């Protein structure tokens, strides 16, 4: 018989919300849930009943990707590169 450890059962989900049509999505909190459907229900129960929002996103934390240090360096160099403004 296969035994599921509690650490394997729950996954971390990130909850984002938007208050108005022109508002940006904002991270609200993280939660533990066994699956995406339960995470959505938990987010609605714990957040939407307290806050006036028009949209909510629930994303598995493992699906959120952050920039690597190399990518961050590349973007920083690109943004700061203003050689095109130099005149001869």
Protein backbone atom coordinates (compact mmCIF):
# COMPACT_ATOMS: atom_id res chain seq x y z
CA UNK A 1 0.00 0.00 0.00
CA UNK A 2 1.31 3.42 -0.99
CA UNK A 3 1.31 5.95 1.83
CA UNK A 4 1.07 9.62 0.90
CA UNK A 5 3.12 11.87 3.16
CA UNK A 6 1.41 15.07 4.23
CA UNK A 7 4.24 17.08 2.67
CA UNK A 8 3.43 15.45 -0.70
CA UNK A 9 -0.32 15.98 -0.35
CA UNK A 10 -0.45 19.75 0.05
CA UNK A 11 0.93 22.24 -2.46
CA UNK A 12 1.58 25.96 -2.08
CA UNK A 13 -0.65 28.28 -4.13
CA UNK A 14 -0.28 32.03 -4.58
CA UNK A 15 -3.41 34.20 -4.60
CA UNK A 16 -3.65 37.40 -6.65
CA UNK A 17 -6.61 39.78 -6.88
CA UNK A 18 -7.76 42.87 -8.76
CA UNK A 19 -10.07 45.46 -7.21
CA UNK A 20 -11.23 47.25 -10.37
CA UNK A 21 -11.20 47.00 -14.17
CA UNK A 22 -8.18 49.29 -14.48
CA UNK A 23 -6.37 48.03 -11.37
CA UNK A 24 -3.34 45.79 -11.55
CA UNK A 25 -3.31 42.28 -10.13
CA UNK A 26 -1.75 42.24 -6.67
CA UNK A 27 -0.34 39.34 -4.69
CA UNK A 28 -2.42 38.79 -1.56
CA UNK A 29 -1.22 35.65 0.21
CA UNK A 30 -0.07 32.04 -0.09
CA UNK A 31 -2.08 29.01 0.96
CA UNK A 32 -1.72 25.23 1.22
CA UNK A 33 -4.22 23.07 -0.65
CA UNK A 34 -4.36 19.51 -2.02
CA UNK A 35 -5.36 20.63 -5.55
CA UNK A 36 -6.21 23.65 -7.68
CA UNK A 37 -9.98 23.42 -7.16
CA UNK A 38 -9.65 23.38 -3.38
CA UNK A 39 -7.14 26.23 -3.55
CA UNK A 40 -9.68 28.35 -5.46
CA UNK A 41 -12.41 27.58 -2.92
CA UNK A 42 -10.10 28.38 -0.02
CA UNK A 43 -9.00 31.65 -1.64
CA UNK A 44 -12.61 32.69 -2.22
CA UNK A 45 -13.63 31.80 1.33
CA UNK A 46 -10.64 33.46 2.96
CA UNK A 47 -10.33 36.56 0.82
CA UNK A 48 -13.22 37.43 -1.48
CA UNK A 49 -15.79 37.58 1.28
CA UNK A 50 -13.70 40.23 3.07
CA UNK A 51 -12.50 42.30 0.14
CA UNK A 52 -14.37 43.86 -2.78
CA UNK A 53 -12.60 42.39 -5.82
CA UNK A 54 -13.62 41.76 -9.42
CA UNK A 55 -11.09 39.04 -10.24
CA UNK A 56 -8.94 36.50 -8.47
CA UNK A 57 -6.08 34.31 -9.71
CA UNK A 58 -4.86 31.21 -7.92
CA UNK A 59 -1.52 29.89 -9.19
CA UNK A 60 0.56 26.94 -8.04
CA UNK A 61 3.76 28.37 -6.60
CA UNK A 62 5.87 25.90 -8.59
CA UNK A 63 4.40 27.42 -11.80
CA UNK A 64 5.63 30.91 -10.90
CA UNK A 65 9.06 31.54 -12.38
CA UNK A 66 11.41 34.23 -11.22
CA UNK A 67 14.34 35.66 -13.13
CA UNK A 68 17.75 34.13 -12.66
CA UNK A 69 20.63 36.38 -11.64
CA UNK A 70 21.97 36.15 -15.21
CA UNK A 71 18.63 37.22 -16.68
CA UNK A 72 18.36 40.06 -14.18
CA UNK A 73 21.85 41.27 -15.14
CA UNK A 74 20.97 41.13 -18.86
CA UNK A 75 17.81 43.18 -18.34
CA UNK A 76 19.60 45.69 -16.14
CA UNK A 77 22.31 46.20 -18.74
CA UNK A 78 19.74 46.53 -21.48
CA UNK A 79 17.72 49.14 -19.61
CA UNK A 80 20.80 51.17 -18.65
CA UNK A 81 22.34 51.06 -22.14
CA UNK A 82 21.84 54.54 -23.58
CA UNK A 83 24.70 54.56 -26.07
CA UNK A 84 22.24 55.54 -28.79
CA UNK A 85 22.08 59.01 -27.21
CA UNK A 86 25.79 59.64 -27.75
CA UNK A 87 26.54 61.96 -30.66
CA UNK A 88 29.77 62.11 -32.60
